[in-house]
């Protein structure tokens, strides 16, 4: 059995909920900035993750923090850890 100190830290990302149509699952879009090697330009890239939301608390447009976890289903390998900012009504 491993100690908590030797266990790897979970990945934490922040993104916006773009879909809440599934039950207990949210689609979260995470944006990142990448630096183009040739032109030196900064580009915006986005990735969508499926995240488990047990209580169905988050809604579309909410800014949430997601954390890596064991696979919950085929595509869901993240979970919503907290809602950073609610969407404006």
C-alpha atoms as a PDB file:
ATOM      1  CA  UNK A   1       0.000   0.000   0.000  1.00  0.00           C
ATOM      2  CA  UNK A   2       1.368   3.408  -0.966  1.00  0.00           C
ATOM      3  CA  UNK A   3       1.557   6.392   1.331  1.00  0.00           C
ATOM      4  CA  UNK A   4      -0.285   9.584   0.441  1.00  0.00           C
ATOM      5  CA  UNK A   5       3.050  11.367   0.032  1.00  0.00           C
ATOM      6  CA  UNK A   6       4.290   8.982  -2.697  1.00  0.00           C
ATOM      7  CA  UNK A   7       0.984   8.977  -4.595  1.00  0.00           C
ATOM      8  CA  UNK A   8       1.043  11.153  -7.719  1.00  0.00           C
ATOM      9  CA  UNK A   9      -0.892  14.409  -7.651  1.00  0.00           C
ATOM     10  CA  UNK A  10      -4.073  14.419  -9.727  1.00  0.00           C
ATOM     11  CA  UNK A  11      -4.242  16.688 -12.745  1.00  0.00           C
ATOM     12  CA  UNK A  12      -6.480  19.721 -12.262  1.00  0.00           C
ATOM     13  CA  UNK A  13      -7.822  21.809 -15.161  1.00  0.00           C
ATOM     14  CA  UNK A  14     -10.238  24.740 -15.392  1.00  0.00           C
ATOM     15  CA  UNK A  15     -12.791  25.072 -18.173  1.00  0.00           C
ATOM     16  CA  UNK A  16     -16.327  26.012 -19.183  1.00  0.00           C
ATOM     17  CA  UNK A  17     -19.282  23.602 -19.301  1.00  0.00           C
ATOM     18  CA  UNK A  18     -20.441  23.518 -22.933  1.00  0.00           C
ATOM     19  CA  UNK A  19     -23.027  20.722 -22.572  1.00  0.00           C
ATOM     20  CA  UNK A  20     -25.128  19.470 -19.657  1.00  0.00           C
ATOM     21  CA  UNK A  21     -27.522  17.260 -21.642  1.00  0.00           C
ATOM     22  CA  UNK A  22     -26.229  13.960 -20.228  1.00  0.00           C
ATOM     23  CA  UNK A  23     -27.209  12.669 -16.803  1.00  0.00           C
ATOM     24  CA  UNK A  24     -24.357  13.133 -14.274  1.00  0.00           C
ATOM     25  CA  UNK A  25     -21.878  13.971 -17.070  1.00  0.00           C
ATOM     26  CA  UNK A  26     -20.746  17.354 -18.311  1.00  0.00           C
ATOM     27  CA  UNK A  27     -18.742  18.284 -21.395  1.00  0.00           C
ATOM     28  CA  UNK A  28     -16.069  20.772 -20.326  1.00  0.00           C
ATOM     29  CA  UNK A  29     -14.028  22.819 -22.805  1.00  0.00           C
ATOM     30  CA  UNK A  30     -10.527  23.650 -21.596  1.00  0.00           C
ATOM     31  CA  UNK A  31      -8.552  26.307 -23.467  1.00  0.00           C
ATOM     32  CA  UNK A  32      -4.763  26.536 -23.472  1.00  0.00           C
ATOM     33  CA  UNK A  33      -2.214  28.810 -25.126  1.00  0.00           C
ATOM     34  CA  UNK A  34       0.467  27.285 -27.360  1.00  0.00           C
ATOM     35  CA  UNK A  35       3.492  29.059 -28.788  1.00  0.00           C
ATOM     36  CA  UNK A  36       4.136  28.645 -32.514  1.00  0.00           C
ATOM     37  CA  UNK A  37       7.806  27.743 -32.991  1.00  0.00           C
ATOM     38  CA  UNK A  38       8.215  29.209 -36.481  1.00  0.00           C
ATOM     39  CA  UNK A  39       6.281  32.472 -36.261  1.00  0.00           C
ATOM     40  CA  UNK A  40       6.448  33.099 -32.524  1.00  0.00           C
ATOM     41  CA  UNK A  41       2.702  33.653 -32.410  1.00  0.00           C
ATOM     42  CA  UNK A  42       0.588  32.595 -29.419  1.00  0.00           C
ATOM     43  CA  UNK A  43      -2.372  30.465 -30.478  1.00  0.00           C
ATOM     44  CA  UNK A  44      -5.453  29.437 -28.536  1.00  0.00           C
ATOM     45  CA  UNK A  45      -6.303  25.715 -28.565  1.00  0.00           C
ATOM     46  CA  UNK A  46      -9.318  24.011 -26.984  1.00  0.00           C
ATOM     47  CA  UNK A  47      -9.965  20.453 -25.830  1.00  0.00           C
ATOM     48  CA  UNK A  48     -13.265  18.953 -24.661  1.00  0.00           C
ATOM     49  CA  UNK A  49     -13.381  16.532 -21.729  1.00  0.00           C
ATOM     50  CA  UNK A  50     -16.265  14.519 -20.307  1.00  0.00           C
ATOM     51  CA  UNK A  51     -16.448  15.029 -16.545  1.00  0.00           C
ATOM     52  CA  UNK A  52     -18.577  13.226 -13.964  1.00  0.00           C
ATOM     53  CA  UNK A  53     -20.905  15.457 -11.912  1.00  0.00           C
ATOM     54  CA  UNK A  54     -22.663  13.248  -9.359  1.00  0.00           C
ATOM     55  CA  UNK A  55     -25.171  15.856  -8.127  1.00  0.00           C
ATOM     56  CA  UNK A  56     -25.899  17.445 -11.533  1.00  0.00           C
ATOM     57  CA  UNK A  57     -24.977  20.815  -9.954  1.00  0.00           C
ATOM     58  CA  UNK A  58     -23.144  22.473 -12.843  1.00  0.00           C
ATOM     59  CA  UNK A  59     -25.023  23.956 -15.766  1.00  0.00           C
ATOM     60  CA  UNK A  60     -24.060  25.133 -19.248  1.00  0.00           C
ATOM     61  CA  UNK A  61     -21.832  28.221 -19.129  1.00  0.00           C
ATOM     62  CA  UNK A  62     -20.463  27.557 -15.629  1.00  0.00           C
ATOM     63  CA  UNK A  63     -16.712  27.816 -15.096  1.00  0.00           C
ATOM     64  CA  UNK A  64     -15.624  24.595 -13.329  1.00  0.00           C
ATOM     65  CA  UNK A  65     -12.507  22.892 -12.054  1.00  0.00           C
ATOM     66  CA  UNK A  66     -12.096  19.269 -13.157  1.00  0.00           C
ATOM     67  CA  UNK A  67      -9.807  16.658 -11.645  1.00  0.00           C
ATOM     68  CA  UNK A  68      -8.499  13.429 -13.165  1.00  0.00           C
ATOM     69  CA  UNK A  69      -9.933  10.249 -11.696  1.00  0.00           C
ATOM     70  CA  UNK A  70     -10.326   6.568 -12.475  1.00  0.00           C
ATOM     71  CA  UNK A  71     -12.448   5.825 -15.557  1.00  0.00           C
ATOM     72  CA  UNK A  72     -16.154   6.191 -14.725  1.00  0.00           C
ATOM     73  CA  UNK A  73     -17.232   5.121 -18.232  1.00  0.00           C
ATOM     74  CA  UNK A  74     -15.754   4.712 -21.710  1.00  0.00           C
ATOM     75  CA  UNK A  75     -15.208   8.448 -22.227  1.00  0.00           C
ATOM     76  CA  UNK A  76     -15.464   9.887 -18.686  1.00  0.00           C
ATOM     77  CA  UNK A  77     -12.076  10.019 -16.935  1.00  0.00           C
ATOM     78  CA  UNK A  78     -12.485  13.361 -15.134  1.00  0.00           C
ATOM     79  CA  UNK A  79     -14.787  14.644 -12.396  1.00  0.00           C
ATOM     80  CA  UNK A  80     -16.070  18.092 -11.518  1.00  0.00           C
ATOM     81  CA  UNK A  81     -14.275  19.042  -8.299  1.00  0.00           C
ATOM     82  CA  UNK A  82     -15.816  22.488  -7.817  1.00  0.00           C
ATOM     83  CA  UNK A  83     -17.777  25.226  -9.541  1.00  0.00           C
ATOM     84  CA  UNK A  84     -15.534  28.294  -9.809  1.00  0.00           C
ATOM     85  CA  UNK A  85     -18.101  30.701 -11.262  1.00  0.00           C
ATOM     86  CA  UNK A  86     -21.798  30.320 -12.084  1.00  0.00           C
ATOM     87  CA  UNK A  87     -23.089  31.312 -15.536  1.00  0.00           C
ATOM     88  CA  UNK A  88     -24.824  34.649 -15.839  1.00  0.00           C
ATOM     89  CA  UNK A  89     -28.574  34.208 -16.163  1.00  0.00           C
END
